[in-house]
Every structure is written in structure tokens, then in C-alpha cells.
């Protein structure tokens, strides 16, 4: 999306900073930010970008040969999982939804990481199950390097939000970018290859 915007508006300079921490865009002098819906401050204006977010529980085929795939989220206590620690210091519980309603399961495992790319690498190395973003692993699912499980238990989450501070005067480059984003929202992709 950024590449297309820059081609259409070559005179507008776009600078992107990536950080897993919850940065205060006003204090840091950013025009806008992108976050999960649940982490955006209430005084911000939001524009949903892209499809809803899908999380998947994945592991290597080799892992599933050694450990039968769980049939229920509660069975995760019998599996090694690669655990993700949030920037707040809290362990991220895996979220599920099914006939019993919403469930939060504390993963069990000996590896705790605070970076999603490192989490994916550990899962690819066979360290255990991972609770990752579908978009992060779709190429590995397509080529069979990873396999999903518990798909019917995984809810969709609201899409990422482009957010910015409500202000009387909006800089014209930000207005152009917002208009471009609204005109080029990404279509949702189907999910495949589940291990049951």
C-alpha cells in the first residue's frame, strides 16, 4: 500500500517506524499509527485497514508426528508451545471461541519470546505449537512446512486500525494518505491446511 501511495504521490515523503511497543504518536510527533483495535486510545480517530485478523495454531508436520494434534483447546496443556510475552511483561494467553463460549488458555512451554518473528522461527525449528497470525504463516501453510490445528476454535479479530489524532487542521499529506488507504483496502484471504 505504501509503495502504491508513493508512486501516486511522489512528492510526499513517507517515513515508517516499526516498534512492538505502544508508542504515543502525539508525544513522538507521528502523523498516524497502526495498532490492533483494542489498543487504540479512545480520543483517536480510526480507519480499519485490511481484513479481519485471523490467528492460527501451527506446528511442523514433524511435531504432529510426535504429538497428536489437540482436539480441544484444553488439550494444549499436554503440548509444548512457544510462549509470547507482551511488552507489558504479561504472558499472552491464547484466545479461543466455541460451543463453550470464549476461552483463554495459558500456553505451556519452555521457550518464552517477546518478538513474533522469533516465535515463528522457533516453531519452524520444531520447538512446539505457536499461536501466530495467519498472514505471518500463510506461505509456510501453502508449502506444507507448517500445519494448523484447532481452526474451528479460532475467532476472527477486528482488523488493524490506522489511527490519528482528531484535529481541526489535518496536514494535506495525511489527508491524501487516508483517502488512498480507504480506496485500496485489502481483500480477505481464505485459510487452508488444518491438521485434525
C-alpha atoms as a PDB file:
ATOM      1  CA  UNK A   1       0.000   0.000   0.000  1.00  0.00           C
ATOM      2  CA  UNK A   2       2.842   2.395   0.844  1.00  0.00           C
ATOM      3  CA  UNK A   3       4.596   1.635  -2.451  1.00  0.00           C
ATOM      4  CA  UNK A   4       1.427   2.350  -4.420  1.00  0.00           C
ATOM      5  CA  UNK A   5       0.821   5.557  -2.477  1.00  0.00           C
ATOM      6  CA  UNK A   6       4.382   6.746  -3.124  1.00  0.00           C
ATOM      7  CA  UNK A   7       4.008   6.076  -6.852  1.00  0.00           C
ATOM      8  CA  UNK A   8       0.786   8.069  -6.959  1.00  0.00           C
ATOM      9  CA  UNK A   9       2.152  10.891  -4.755  1.00  0.00           C
ATOM     10  CA  UNK A  10       5.919  11.039  -5.456  1.00  0.00           C
ATOM     11  CA  UNK A  11       6.271  14.467  -3.815  1.00  0.00           C
ATOM     12  CA  UNK A  12       5.064  13.223  -0.401  1.00  0.00           C
ATOM     13  CA  UNK A  13       7.806  11.821   1.818  1.00  0.00           C
ATOM     14  CA  UNK A  14       6.712   8.760   3.805  1.00  0.00           C
ATOM     15  CA  UNK A  15       8.729   7.638   6.820  1.00  0.00           C
ATOM     16  CA  UNK A  16       7.764   4.486   8.690  1.00  0.00           C
ATOM     17  CA  UNK A  17       8.979   3.453  12.125  1.00  0.00           C
ATOM     18  CA  UNK A  18       8.202  -0.056  13.385  1.00  0.00           C
ATOM     19  CA  UNK A  19       8.091  -0.801  17.097  1.00  0.00           C
ATOM     20  CA  UNK A  20       6.281  -3.511  19.053  1.00  0.00           C
ATOM     21  CA  UNK A  21       5.807  -1.091  21.953  1.00  0.00           C
ATOM     22  CA  UNK A  22       2.703   1.071  22.286  1.00  0.00           C
ATOM     23  CA  UNK A  23       4.183   4.378  21.148  1.00  0.00           C
ATOM     24  CA  UNK A  24       2.430   7.668  21.928  1.00  0.00           C
ATOM     25  CA  UNK A  25       2.135   9.104  18.408  1.00  0.00           C
ATOM     26  CA  UNK A  26       1.370  12.619  19.667  1.00  0.00           C
ATOM     27  CA  UNK A  27       4.374  12.747  22.002  1.00  0.00           C
ATOM     28  CA  UNK A  28       6.635  11.219  19.336  1.00  0.00           C
ATOM     29  CA  UNK A  29       5.310  13.611  16.615  1.00  0.00           C
ATOM     30  CA  UNK A  30       3.917  10.965  14.264  1.00  0.00           C
ATOM     31  CA  UNK A  31       1.012  11.834  11.978  1.00  0.00           C
ATOM     32  CA  UNK A  32      -0.600   8.414  12.391  1.00  0.00           C
ATOM     33  CA  UNK A  33      -0.062   4.908  13.680  1.00  0.00           C
ATOM     34  CA  UNK A  34      -1.290   1.360  13.137  1.00  0.00           C
ATOM     35  CA  UNK A  35      -2.460  -0.822  16.016  1.00  0.00           C
ATOM     36  CA  UNK A  36      -4.848  -3.550  16.982  1.00  0.00           C
ATOM     37  CA  UNK A  37      -8.311  -2.174  17.644  1.00  0.00           C
ATOM     38  CA  UNK A  38      -8.181  -2.936  21.379  1.00  0.00           C
ATOM     39  CA  UNK A  39      -5.003  -0.898  21.936  1.00  0.00           C
ATOM     40  CA  UNK A  40      -6.020   2.417  20.340  1.00  0.00           C
ATOM     41  CA  UNK A  41      -6.701   5.299  22.739  1.00  0.00           C
ATOM     42  CA  UNK A  42     -10.315   6.468  22.847  1.00  0.00           C
ATOM     43  CA  UNK A  43      -9.543  10.033  21.707  1.00  0.00           C
ATOM     44  CA  UNK A  44      -8.182   8.837  18.354  1.00  0.00           C
ATOM     45  CA  UNK A  45      -9.979   8.557  15.042  1.00  0.00           C
ATOM     46  CA  UNK A  46      -9.588   5.105  13.488  1.00  0.00           C
ATOM     47  CA  UNK A  47      -9.829   3.704   9.985  1.00  0.00           C
ATOM     48  CA  UNK A  48      -9.903  -0.095   9.663  1.00  0.00           C
ATOM     49  CA  UNK A  49      -7.307  -1.359   7.202  1.00  0.00           C
ATOM     50  CA  UNK A  50      -7.215  -4.796   5.693  1.00  0.00           C
ATOM     51  CA  UNK A  51      -9.270  -7.843   6.537  1.00  0.00           C
ATOM     52  CA  UNK A  52     -10.172  -9.099   9.974  1.00  0.00           C
ATOM     53  CA  UNK A  53      -7.227 -10.677  11.749  1.00  0.00           C
ATOM     54  CA  UNK A  54      -7.035 -14.439  11.894  1.00  0.00           C
ATOM     55  CA  UNK A  55      -4.808 -16.219  14.396  1.00  0.00           C
ATOM     56  CA  UNK A  56      -3.792 -19.825  13.841  1.00  0.00           C
ATOM     57  CA  UNK A  57      -2.286 -22.545  15.997  1.00  0.00           C
ATOM     58  CA  UNK A  58       0.524 -24.096  13.959  1.00  0.00           C
ATOM     59  CA  UNK A  59       3.364 -26.569  14.229  1.00  0.00           C
ATOM     60  CA  UNK A  60       5.610 -28.513  11.908  1.00  0.00           C
ATOM     61  CA  UNK A  61       4.386 -31.828  10.443  1.00  0.00           C
ATOM     62  CA  UNK A  62       7.239 -33.482  12.361  1.00  0.00           C
ATOM     63  CA  UNK A  63       5.922 -32.065  15.641  1.00  0.00           C
ATOM     64  CA  UNK A  64       2.468 -33.505  14.900  1.00  0.00           C
ATOM     65  CA  UNK A  65       4.018 -36.908  14.100  1.00  0.00           C
ATOM     66  CA  UNK A  66       5.487 -36.947  17.605  1.00  0.00           C
ATOM     67  CA  UNK A  67       2.463 -35.353  19.328  1.00  0.00           C
ATOM     68  CA  UNK A  68      -1.094 -35.933  18.070  1.00  0.00           C
ATOM     69  CA  UNK A  69      -2.860 -32.654  17.287  1.00  0.00           C
ATOM     70  CA  UNK A  70      -5.075 -31.361  20.121  1.00  0.00           C
ATOM     71  CA  UNK A  71      -8.811 -31.813  19.564  1.00  0.00           C
ATOM     72  CA  UNK A  72      -9.781 -29.133  22.101  1.00  0.00           C
ATOM     73  CA  UNK A  73      -8.019 -26.007  23.431  1.00  0.00           C
ATOM     74  CA  UNK A  74      -7.864 -27.551  26.919  1.00  0.00           C
ATOM     75  CA  UNK A  75      -5.609 -30.288  25.467  1.00  0.00           C
ATOM     76  CA  UNK A  76      -2.883 -27.666  24.923  1.00  0.00           C
ATOM     77  CA  UNK A  77      -1.635 -28.385  28.465  1.00  0.00           C
ATOM     78  CA  UNK A  78      -0.231 -31.645  27.017  1.00  0.00           C
ATOM     79  CA  UNK A  79       1.803 -29.808  24.363  1.00  0.00           C
ATOM     80  CA  UNK A  80       4.970 -27.747  24.199  1.00  0.00           C
ATOM     81  CA  UNK A  81       4.109 -24.257  22.996  1.00  0.00           C
ATOM     82  CA  UNK A  82       6.301 -21.324  22.104  1.00  0.00           C
ATOM     83  CA  UNK A  83       5.113 -18.635  24.529  1.00  0.00           C
ATOM     84  CA  UNK A  84       4.842 -14.967  23.633  1.00  0.00           C
ATOM     85  CA  UNK A  85       5.487 -12.265  26.241  1.00  0.00           C
ATOM     86  CA  UNK A  86       3.763  -8.924  25.656  1.00  0.00           C
ATOM     87  CA  UNK A  87       5.630  -5.623  26.015  1.00  0.00           C
ATOM     88  CA  UNK A  88       3.738  -5.130  29.284  1.00  0.00           C
ATOM     89  CA  UNK A  89       5.572  -8.175  30.636  1.00  0.00           C
ATOM     90  CA  UNK A  90       2.432 -10.316  30.690  1.00  0.00           C
ATOM     91  CA  UNK A  91       2.328 -13.727  29.002  1.00  0.00           C
ATOM     92  CA  UNK A  92      -0.146 -13.720  26.123  1.00  0.00           C
ATOM     93  CA  UNK A  93      -2.917 -16.247  26.691  1.00  0.00           C
ATOM     94  CA  UNK A  94      -4.228 -17.949  23.577  1.00  0.00           C
ATOM     95  CA  UNK A  95      -7.806 -16.930  22.756  1.00  0.00           C
ATOM     96  CA  UNK A  96     -10.433 -19.361  21.504  1.00  0.00           C
ATOM     97  CA  UNK A  97     -14.176 -19.394  20.968  1.00  0.00           C
ATOM     98  CA  UNK A  98     -16.527 -22.350  20.560  1.00  0.00           C
ATOM     99  CA  UNK A  99     -19.636 -24.051  21.921  1.00  0.00           C
ATOM    100  CA  UNK A 100     -18.438 -23.337  25.474  1.00  0.00           C
ATOM    101  CA  UNK A 101     -18.041 -19.640  24.725  1.00  0.00           C
ATOM    102  CA  UNK A 102     -14.779 -17.711  24.891  1.00  0.00           C
ATOM    103  CA  UNK A 103     -11.717 -19.426  26.342  1.00  0.00           C
ATOM    104  CA  UNK A 104      -8.293 -18.105  27.285  1.00  0.00           C
ATOM    105  CA  UNK A 105      -5.658 -20.790  27.597  1.00  0.00           C
ATOM    106  CA  UNK A 106      -2.270 -20.182  29.215  1.00  0.00           C
ATOM    107  CA  UNK A 107       0.239 -21.925  26.941  1.00  0.00           C
ATOM    108  CA  UNK A 108       2.749 -24.391  28.406  1.00  0.00           C
ATOM    109  CA  UNK A 109       6.318 -24.461  27.167  1.00  0.00           C
ATOM    110  CA  UNK A 110       9.972 -23.900  27.886  1.00  0.00           C
ATOM    111  CA  UNK A 111      10.599 -21.095  25.357  1.00  0.00           C
ATOM    112  CA  UNK A 112       9.316 -17.558  26.017  1.00  0.00           C
ATOM    113  CA  UNK A 113       9.936 -14.841  23.415  1.00  0.00           C
ATOM    114  CA  UNK A 114       8.857 -11.215  23.021  1.00  0.00           C
ATOM    115  CA  UNK A 115       9.111 -10.997  19.231  1.00  0.00           C
ATOM    116  CA  UNK A 116       6.670 -12.552  16.748  1.00  0.00           C
ATOM    117  CA  UNK A 117       9.346 -13.254  14.124  1.00  0.00           C
ATOM    118  CA  UNK A 118      11.452 -15.122  16.687  1.00  0.00           C
ATOM    119  CA  UNK A 119       8.357 -17.023  17.788  1.00  0.00           C
ATOM    120  CA  UNK A 120       7.757 -18.121  14.205  1.00  0.00           C
ATOM    121  CA  UNK A 121      11.406 -19.196  13.845  1.00  0.00           C
ATOM    122  CA  UNK A 122      11.180 -21.334  16.985  1.00  0.00           C
ATOM    123  CA  UNK A 123       8.009 -23.007  15.709  1.00  0.00           C
ATOM    124  CA  UNK A 124       9.648 -23.647  12.324  1.00  0.00           C
ATOM    125  CA  UNK A 125      12.529 -25.333  14.179  1.00  0.00           C
ATOM    126  CA  UNK A 126      10.057 -27.755  15.774  1.00  0.00           C
ATOM    127  CA  UNK A 127      10.059 -26.247  19.277  1.00  0.00           C
ATOM    128  CA  UNK A 128       6.305 -26.680  19.628  1.00  0.00           C
ATOM    129  CA  UNK A 129       2.982 -25.109  18.802  1.00  0.00           C
ATOM    130  CA  UNK A 130       2.714 -21.427  18.004  1.00  0.00           C
ATOM    131  CA  UNK A 131      -0.236 -19.026  18.157  1.00  0.00           C
ATOM    132  CA  UNK A 132       0.577 -16.787  15.216  1.00  0.00           C
ATOM    133  CA  UNK A 133      -1.034 -14.507  12.672  1.00  0.00           C
ATOM    134  CA  UNK A 134      -2.346 -16.268   9.583  1.00  0.00           C
ATOM    135  CA  UNK A 135      -0.714 -13.680   7.318  1.00  0.00           C
ATOM    136  CA  UNK A 136       2.613 -14.379   9.030  1.00  0.00           C
ATOM    137  CA  UNK A 137       2.494 -18.102   8.240  1.00  0.00           C
ATOM    138  CA  UNK A 138       0.357 -18.469   5.104  1.00  0.00           C
ATOM    139  CA  UNK A 139       3.349 -19.189   2.823  1.00  0.00           C
ATOM    140  CA  UNK A 140       4.510 -21.935   5.212  1.00  0.00           C
ATOM    141  CA  UNK A 141       0.997 -23.404   5.282  1.00  0.00           C
ATOM    142  CA  UNK A 142       0.815 -23.334   1.480  1.00  0.00           C
ATOM    143  CA  UNK A 143       4.092 -25.247   1.057  1.00  0.00           C
ATOM    144  CA  UNK A 144       3.407 -27.699   3.922  1.00  0.00           C
ATOM    145  CA  UNK A 145       6.212 -26.505   6.211  1.00  0.00           C
ATOM    146  CA  UNK A 146       3.577 -25.742   8.874  1.00  0.00           C
ATOM    147  CA  UNK A 147       0.162 -27.245   9.578  1.00  0.00           C
ATOM    148  CA  UNK A 148      -2.723 -25.718  11.541  1.00  0.00           C
ATOM    149  CA  UNK A 149      -4.926 -27.205  14.214  1.00  0.00           C
ATOM    150  CA  UNK A 150      -7.942 -26.100  16.299  1.00  0.00           C
ATOM    151  CA  UNK A 151      -9.194 -23.935  13.429  1.00  0.00           C
ATOM    152  CA  UNK A 152     -12.867 -24.199  14.378  1.00  0.00           C
ATOM    153  CA  UNK A 153     -11.992 -22.721  17.791  1.00  0.00           C
ATOM    154  CA  UNK A 154     -10.163 -19.660  16.491  1.00  0.00           C
ATOM    155  CA  UNK A 155     -12.161 -16.422  16.384  1.00  0.00           C
ATOM    156  CA  UNK A 156     -11.513 -13.580  13.979  1.00  0.00           C
ATOM    157  CA  UNK A 157     -10.346 -10.315  15.493  1.00  0.00           C
ATOM    158  CA  UNK A 158     -11.066  -6.780  14.266  1.00  0.00           C
ATOM    159  CA  UNK A 159      -8.758  -5.553  11.528  1.00  0.00           C
ATOM    160  CA  UNK A 160      -5.743  -3.389  12.213  1.00  0.00           C
ATOM    161  CA  UNK A 161      -6.601   0.268  12.676  1.00  0.00           C
ATOM    162  CA  UNK A 162      -4.873   3.248  11.123  1.00  0.00           C
ATOM    163  CA  UNK A 163      -5.351   5.883  13.801  1.00  0.00           C
ATOM    164  CA  UNK A 164      -4.657   9.583  14.164  1.00  0.00           C
ATOM    165  CA  UNK A 165      -5.481  12.436  16.486  1.00  0.00           C
ATOM    166  CA  UNK A 166      -8.634  14.404  15.838  1.00  0.00           C
ATOM    167  CA  UNK A 167      -7.545  17.905  14.937  1.00  0.00           C
ATOM    168  CA  UNK A 168      -9.059  20.949  13.349  1.00  0.00           C
ATOM    169  CA  UNK A 169      -6.450  21.134  10.612  1.00  0.00           C
ATOM    170  CA  UNK A 170      -5.215  17.925   9.019  1.00  0.00           C
ATOM    171  CA  UNK A 171      -1.968  18.103   7.013  1.00  0.00           C
ATOM    172  CA  UNK A 172      -2.704  17.550   3.317  1.00  0.00           C
ATOM    173  CA  UNK A 173      -0.230  14.609   3.022  1.00  0.00           C
ATOM    174  CA  UNK A 174      -2.077  12.764   5.806  1.00  0.00           C
ATOM    175  CA  UNK A 175      -5.435  13.511   4.155  1.00  0.00           C
ATOM    176  CA  UNK A 176      -4.103  12.153   0.830  1.00  0.00           C
ATOM    177  CA  UNK A 177      -2.832   9.009   2.572  1.00  0.00           C
ATOM    178  CA  UNK A 178      -6.137   8.414   4.383  1.00  0.00           C
ATOM    179  CA  UNK A 179      -8.054   8.783   1.117  1.00  0.00           C
ATOM    180  CA  UNK A 180      -5.663   6.374  -0.597  1.00  0.00           C
ATOM    181  CA  UNK A 181      -5.990   3.791   2.195  1.00  0.00           C
ATOM    182  CA  UNK A 182      -9.785   3.941   2.120  1.00  0.00           C
ATOM    183  CA  UNK A 183      -9.746   3.359  -1.648  1.00  0.00           C
ATOM    184  CA  UNK A 184      -7.308   0.399  -1.509  1.00  0.00           C
ATOM    185  CA  UNK A 185      -8.363  -1.823   1.374  1.00  0.00           C
ATOM    186  CA  UNK A 186      -7.017  -5.382   1.183  1.00  0.00           C
ATOM    187  CA  UNK A 187      -9.403  -8.287   0.487  1.00  0.00           C
ATOM    188  CA  UNK A 188      -9.545 -11.207   2.907  1.00  0.00           C
ATOM    189  CA  UNK A 189      -7.675 -14.438   2.094  1.00  0.00           C
ATOM    190  CA  UNK A 190      -9.021 -17.964   2.765  1.00  0.00           C
ATOM    191  CA  UNK A 191      -7.320 -20.295   5.248  1.00  0.00           C
ATOM    192  CA  UNK A 192      -6.117 -23.799   4.420  1.00  0.00           C
ATOM    193  CA  UNK A 193      -4.401 -26.994   5.561  1.00  0.00           C
ATOM    194  CA  UNK A 194      -5.655 -27.831   9.006  1.00  0.00           C
ATOM    195  CA  UNK A 195      -4.360 -30.796  10.999  1.00  0.00           C
ATOM    196  CA  UNK A 196      -7.121 -32.569  12.914  1.00  0.00           C
END
